[in-house]
Amino acid sequence: TGTAQSKTSARYIEKLLLGWRRDGIETCEQADAYLRQLALRAKREQETAKVLGIDEAGLTLAEKKRITQWYEEFAYGPEMIRAARLVAGENEKNVRYIGGILKKWHSKGYTTPQDVALAQENHNVRIQGPSPEIAAVEGGGILGRIEEYVPFTQRGGRG
């Protein structure tokens, strides 16, 4: 359920409050915390859209849920989203694709871009193609020298 932005009918407010009650929001304090959480999520969506270079107004509900997951479940911030964007190559603006990268990193326990770079160096792997395929290469960290690991055409260039 959402907030009553410019909707003032008594029926709308009644439906909103009943929805909140179903969600376990029964006190003013709980409602206030919920509204703060919604505002924080909106701020994160705006921040993430800016990092990805996409229009925030165009985010779908599914994309918004993914962004919420990145912050609230994975405990990632803009720095990890930027790192995933670098790895995504030509899919750098695809929320679903970046979500897959972040989910994989979360399952491996990576919490910072440095963790990802260190893991890449220790495992001597690279990401190649629009979908992550692991292939052996010699040395170096993916986030430090992305141009050596992802072909130019997959980083948005022509070539």
C-alpha atoms as a PDB file:
ATOM      1  CA  THR A   1       0.000   0.000   0.000  1.00  0.00           C
ATOM      2  CA  GLY A   2       1.103   3.560  -0.619  1.00  0.00           C
ATOM      3  CA  THR A   3       0.564   6.999   0.799  1.00  0.00           C
ATOM      4  CA  ALA A   4      -2.327   9.324   0.020  1.00  0.00           C
ATOM      5  CA  GLN A   5      -0.595  11.821  -2.244  1.00  0.00           C
ATOM      6  CA  SER A   6      -3.299  14.228  -3.417  1.00  0.00           C
ATOM      7  CA  LYS A   7      -6.053  11.681  -2.789  1.00  0.00           C
ATOM      8  CA  THR A   8      -8.445  13.050  -0.217  1.00  0.00           C
ATOM      9  CA  SER A   9     -11.616  11.024  -0.486  1.00  0.00           C
ATOM     10  CA  ALA A  10     -12.733   9.380   2.743  1.00  0.00           C
ATOM     11  CA  ARG A  11     -13.107   6.025   0.966  1.00  0.00           C
ATOM     12  CA  TYR A  12      -9.514   6.094  -0.279  1.00  0.00           C
ATOM     13  CA  ILE A  13      -8.203   6.916   3.188  1.00  0.00           C
ATOM     14  CA  GLU A  14     -10.334   4.152   4.696  1.00  0.00           C
ATOM     15  CA  LYS A  15      -8.916   1.613   2.203  1.00  0.00           C
ATOM     16  CA  LEU A  16      -5.408   2.817   2.911  1.00  0.00           C
ATOM     17  CA  LEU A  17      -5.820   2.453   6.670  1.00  0.00           C
ATOM     18  CA  LEU A  18      -7.383  -1.007   6.303  1.00  0.00           C
ATOM     19  CA  GLY A  19      -4.412  -2.042   4.176  1.00  0.00           C
ATOM     20  CA  TRP A  20      -2.029  -0.756   6.800  1.00  0.00           C
ATOM     21  CA  ARG A  21      -3.871  -2.702   9.483  1.00  0.00           C
ATOM     22  CA  ARG A  22      -3.555  -5.883   7.371  1.00  0.00           C
ATOM     23  CA  ASP A  23       0.178  -5.155   7.186  1.00  0.00           C
ATOM     24  CA  GLY A  24       0.350  -4.908  10.999  1.00  0.00           C
ATOM     25  CA  ILE A  25       0.453  -1.116  11.218  1.00  0.00           C
ATOM     26  CA  GLU A  26      -1.869  -0.236  14.083  1.00  0.00           C
ATOM     27  CA  THR A  27      -0.303   2.688  15.947  1.00  0.00           C
ATOM     28  CA  CYS A  28       0.729   6.204  15.000  1.00  0.00           C
ATOM     29  CA  GLU A  29       4.346   5.288  15.733  1.00  0.00           C
ATOM     30  CA  GLN A  30       4.159   2.298  13.360  1.00  0.00           C
ATOM     31  CA  ALA A  31       2.519   4.449  10.684  1.00  0.00           C
ATOM     32  CA  ASP A  32       5.198   7.098  11.090  1.00  0.00           C
ATOM     33  CA  ALA A  33       7.976   4.485  10.800  1.00  0.00           C
ATOM     34  CA  TYR A  34       6.297   3.035   7.715  1.00  0.00           C
ATOM     35  CA  LEU A  35       6.054   6.446   6.047  1.00  0.00           C
ATOM     36  CA  ARG A  36       9.736   7.105   6.823  1.00  0.00           C
ATOM     37  CA  GLN A  37      10.591   3.733   5.274  1.00  0.00           C
ATOM     38  CA  LEU A  38       8.617   4.603   2.120  1.00  0.00           C
ATOM     39  CA  ALA A  39      10.406   7.952   1.874  1.00  0.00           C
ATOM     40  CA  LEU A  40      13.794   6.247   2.275  1.00  0.00           C
ATOM     41  CA  ARG A  41      12.898   3.714  -0.429  1.00  0.00           C
ATOM     42  CA  ALA A  42      11.862   6.529  -2.783  1.00  0.00           C
ATOM     43  CA  LYS A  43      15.175   8.280  -2.126  1.00  0.00           C
ATOM     44  CA  ARG A  44      17.090   5.056  -2.826  1.00  0.00           C
ATOM     45  CA  GLU A  45      15.151   4.497  -6.057  1.00  0.00           C
ATOM     46  CA  GLN A  46      16.010   8.021  -7.161  1.00  0.00           C
ATOM     47  CA  GLU A  47      19.672   7.545  -6.203  1.00  0.00           C
ATOM     48  CA  THR A  48      19.863   4.188  -8.009  1.00  0.00           C
ATOM     49  CA  ALA A  49      18.223   5.541 -11.159  1.00  0.00           C
ATOM     50  CA  LYS A  50      20.852   8.282 -11.179  1.00  0.00           C
ATOM     51  CA  VAL A  51      23.704   5.745 -10.725  1.00  0.00           C
ATOM     52  CA  LEU A  52      22.329   3.622 -13.578  1.00  0.00           C
ATOM     53  CA  GLY A  53      21.594   6.597 -15.803  1.00  0.00           C
ATOM     54  CA  ILE A  54      17.912   5.782 -16.189  1.00  0.00           C
ATOM     55  CA  ASP A  55      14.692   7.713 -15.674  1.00  0.00           C
ATOM     56  CA  GLU A  56      13.355   7.162 -12.160  1.00  0.00           C
ATOM     57  CA  ALA A  57       9.787   7.732 -13.367  1.00  0.00           C
ATOM     58  CA  GLY A  58      10.161   4.756 -15.700  1.00  0.00           C
ATOM     59  CA  LEU A  59      10.960   2.252 -12.941  1.00  0.00           C
ATOM     60  CA  THR A  60       8.463  -0.593 -12.775  1.00  0.00           C
ATOM     61  CA  LEU A  61       7.138  -2.034  -9.529  1.00  0.00           C
ATOM     62  CA  ALA A  62       9.331  -5.127 -10.041  1.00  0.00           C
ATOM     63  CA  GLU A  63      12.409  -2.931 -10.519  1.00  0.00           C
ATOM     64  CA  LYS A  64      11.567  -0.957  -7.388  1.00  0.00           C
ATOM     65  CA  LYS A  65      11.269  -4.212  -5.434  1.00  0.00           C
ATOM     66  CA  ARG A  66      14.685  -5.313  -6.724  1.00  0.00           C
ATOM     67  CA  ILE A  67      16.238  -2.015  -5.664  1.00  0.00           C
ATOM     68  CA  THR A  68      14.672  -2.374  -2.211  1.00  0.00           C
ATOM     69  CA  GLN A  69      16.148  -5.882  -1.999  1.00  0.00           C
ATOM     70  CA  TRP A  70      19.621  -4.564  -2.839  1.00  0.00           C
ATOM     71  CA  TYR A  71      19.515  -2.106   0.031  1.00  0.00           C
ATOM     72  CA  GLU A  72      17.450  -3.914   2.645  1.00  0.00           C
ATOM     73  CA  GLU A  73      18.255  -7.614   2.133  1.00  0.00           C
ATOM     74  CA  PHE A  74      21.743  -7.464   0.632  1.00  0.00           C
ATOM     75  CA  ALA A  75      22.781  -4.297   2.550  1.00  0.00           C
ATOM     76  CA  TYR A  76      24.338  -2.851  -0.628  1.00  0.00           C
ATOM     77  CA  GLY A  77      24.630   0.812  -1.432  1.00  0.00           C
ATOM     78  CA  PRO A  78      25.443   2.896  -4.496  1.00  0.00           C
ATOM     79  CA  GLU A  79      29.076   1.738  -4.573  1.00  0.00           C
ATOM     80  CA  MET A  80      28.111  -1.914  -5.151  1.00  0.00           C
ATOM     81  CA  ILE A  81      25.495  -0.882  -7.705  1.00  0.00           C
ATOM     82  CA  ARG A  82      28.156   1.128  -9.572  1.00  0.00           C
ATOM     83  CA  ALA A  83      30.482  -1.888  -9.503  1.00  0.00           C
ATOM     84  CA  ALA A  84      27.747  -4.161 -10.868  1.00  0.00           C
ATOM     85  CA  ARG A  85      27.015  -1.596 -13.569  1.00  0.00           C
ATOM     86  CA  LEU A  86      30.655  -1.739 -14.670  1.00  0.00           C
ATOM     87  CA  VAL A  87      30.506  -5.522 -14.886  1.00  0.00           C
ATOM     88  CA  ALA A  88      27.155  -5.487 -16.719  1.00  0.00           C
ATOM     89  CA  GLY A  89      28.669  -4.061 -19.901  1.00  0.00           C
ATOM     90  CA  GLU A  90      25.951  -3.367 -22.457  1.00  0.00           C
ATOM     91  CA  ASN A  91      23.337  -4.274 -19.833  1.00  0.00           C
ATOM     92  CA  GLU A  92      24.472  -1.428 -17.574  1.00  0.00           C
ATOM     93  CA  LYS A  93      20.981   0.096 -17.458  1.00  0.00           C
ATOM     94  CA  ASN A  94      19.097  -3.180 -17.041  1.00  0.00           C
ATOM     95  CA  VAL A  95      17.875  -3.361 -13.429  1.00  0.00           C
ATOM     96  CA  ARG A  96      17.062  -7.058 -13.705  1.00  0.00           C
ATOM     97  CA  TYR A  97      20.501  -7.932 -15.069  1.00  0.00           C
ATOM     98  CA  ILE A  98      22.312  -5.865 -12.461  1.00  0.00           C
ATOM     99  CA  GLY A  99      20.093  -7.491  -9.837  1.00  0.00           C
ATOM    100  CA  GLY A 100      21.376 -10.888 -10.967  1.00  0.00           C
ATOM    101  CA  ILE A 101      24.969  -9.761 -10.536  1.00  0.00           C
ATOM    102  CA  LEU A 102      24.253  -8.350  -7.075  1.00  0.00           C
ATOM    103  CA  LYS A 103      22.361 -11.485  -6.026  1.00  0.00           C
ATOM    104  CA  LYS A 104      25.318 -13.644  -7.075  1.00  0.00           C
ATOM    105  CA  TRP A 105      27.741 -11.401  -5.184  1.00  0.00           C
ATOM    106  CA  HIS A 106      25.506 -11.502  -2.108  1.00  0.00           C
ATOM    107  CA  SER A 107      25.373 -15.307  -2.214  1.00  0.00           C
ATOM    108  CA  LYS A 108      29.186 -15.352  -2.326  1.00  0.00           C
ATOM    109  CA  GLY A 109      29.400 -13.005   0.678  1.00  0.00           C
ATOM    110  CA  TYR A 110      30.855  -9.995  -1.125  1.00  0.00           C
ATOM    111  CA  THR A 111      30.036  -6.783   0.723  1.00  0.00           C
ATOM    112  CA  THR A 112      32.239  -4.195  -1.023  1.00  0.00           C
ATOM    113  CA  PRO A 113      33.629  -3.609  -4.512  1.00  0.00           C
ATOM    114  CA  GLN A 114      37.033  -4.450  -3.035  1.00  0.00           C
ATOM    115  CA  ASP A 115      35.715  -7.909  -2.061  1.00  0.00           C
ATOM    116  CA  VAL A 116      34.641  -8.453  -5.674  1.00  0.00           C
ATOM    117  CA  ALA A 117      37.977  -7.269  -7.055  1.00  0.00           C
ATOM    118  CA  LEU A 118      39.916  -9.429  -4.601  1.00  0.00           C
ATOM    119  CA  ALA A 119      37.808 -12.489  -5.426  1.00  0.00           C
ATOM    120  CA  GLN A 120      38.347 -11.868  -9.133  1.00  0.00           C
ATOM    121  CA  GLU A 121      42.106 -11.626  -8.618  1.00  0.00           C
ATOM    122  CA  ASN A 122      42.276 -14.691  -6.370  1.00  0.00           C
ATOM    123  CA  HIS A 123      40.228 -16.836  -8.723  1.00  0.00           C
ATOM    124  CA  ASN A 124      41.966 -15.524 -11.838  1.00  0.00           C
ATOM    125  CA  VAL A 125      38.678 -15.167 -13.750  1.00  0.00           C
ATOM    126  CA  ARG A 126      37.025 -12.672 -15.996  1.00  0.00           C
ATOM    127  CA  ILE A 127      33.496 -11.788 -16.980  1.00  0.00           C
ATOM    128  CA  GLN A 128      32.873 -11.994 -20.672  1.00  0.00           C
ATOM    129  CA  GLY A 129      29.804 -11.473 -22.851  1.00  0.00           C
ATOM    130  CA  PRO A 130      26.399 -10.078 -21.938  1.00  0.00           C
ATOM    131  CA  SER A 131      25.817 -12.939 -19.498  1.00  0.00           C
ATOM    132  CA  PRO A 132      28.527 -13.756 -16.947  1.00  0.00           C
ATOM    133  CA  GLU A 133      30.662 -16.614 -18.247  1.00  0.00           C
ATOM    134  CA  ILE A 134      33.775 -17.430 -16.346  1.00  0.00           C
ATOM    135  CA  ALA A 135      36.999 -17.890 -18.318  1.00  0.00           C
ATOM    136  CA  ALA A 136      40.635 -18.009 -17.223  1.00  0.00           C
ATOM    137  CA  VAL A 137      42.941 -15.028 -17.763  1.00  0.00           C
ATOM    138  CA  GLU A 138      46.222 -13.948 -16.254  1.00  0.00           C
ATOM    139  CA  GLY A 139      46.124 -11.622 -13.221  1.00  0.00           C
ATOM    140  CA  GLY A 140      44.432  -8.291 -12.525  1.00  0.00           C
ATOM    141  CA  GLY A 141      41.186  -7.154 -10.912  1.00  0.00           C
ATOM    142  CA  ILE A 142      38.044  -6.659 -12.935  1.00  0.00           C
ATOM    143  CA  LEU A 143      36.938  -3.451 -11.268  1.00  0.00           C
ATOM    144  CA  GLY A 144      40.326  -1.795 -11.485  1.00  0.00           C
ATOM    145  CA  ARG A 145      40.798  -2.342 -15.229  1.00  0.00           C
ATOM    146  CA  ILE A 146      37.376  -3.095 -16.671  1.00  0.00           C
ATOM    147  CA  GLU A 147      38.501  -2.351 -20.239  1.00  0.00           C
ATOM    148  CA  GLU A 148      40.823  -5.386 -20.128  1.00  0.00           C
ATOM    149  CA  TYR A 149      38.029  -7.744 -19.120  1.00  0.00           C
ATOM    150  CA  VAL A 150      34.899  -6.641 -20.940  1.00  0.00           C
ATOM    151  CA  PRO A 151      35.071  -6.058 -24.693  1.00  0.00           C
ATOM    152  CA  PHE A 152      34.638  -2.419 -25.713  1.00  0.00           C
ATOM    153  CA  THR A 153      31.382  -3.134 -27.567  1.00  0.00           C
ATOM    154  CA  GLN A 154      29.894  -4.578 -24.375  1.00  0.00           C
ATOM    155  CA  ARG A 155      30.746  -1.431 -22.434  1.00  0.00           C
ATOM    156  CA  GLY A 156      28.487   0.616 -24.683  1.00  0.00           C
ATOM    157  CA  GLY A 157      31.077   1.433 -27.348  1.00  0.00           C
ATOM    158  CA  ARG A 158      30.912   0.648 -31.014  1.00  0.00           C
ATOM    159  CA  GLY A 159      33.419  -1.501 -32.495  1.00  0.00           C
END
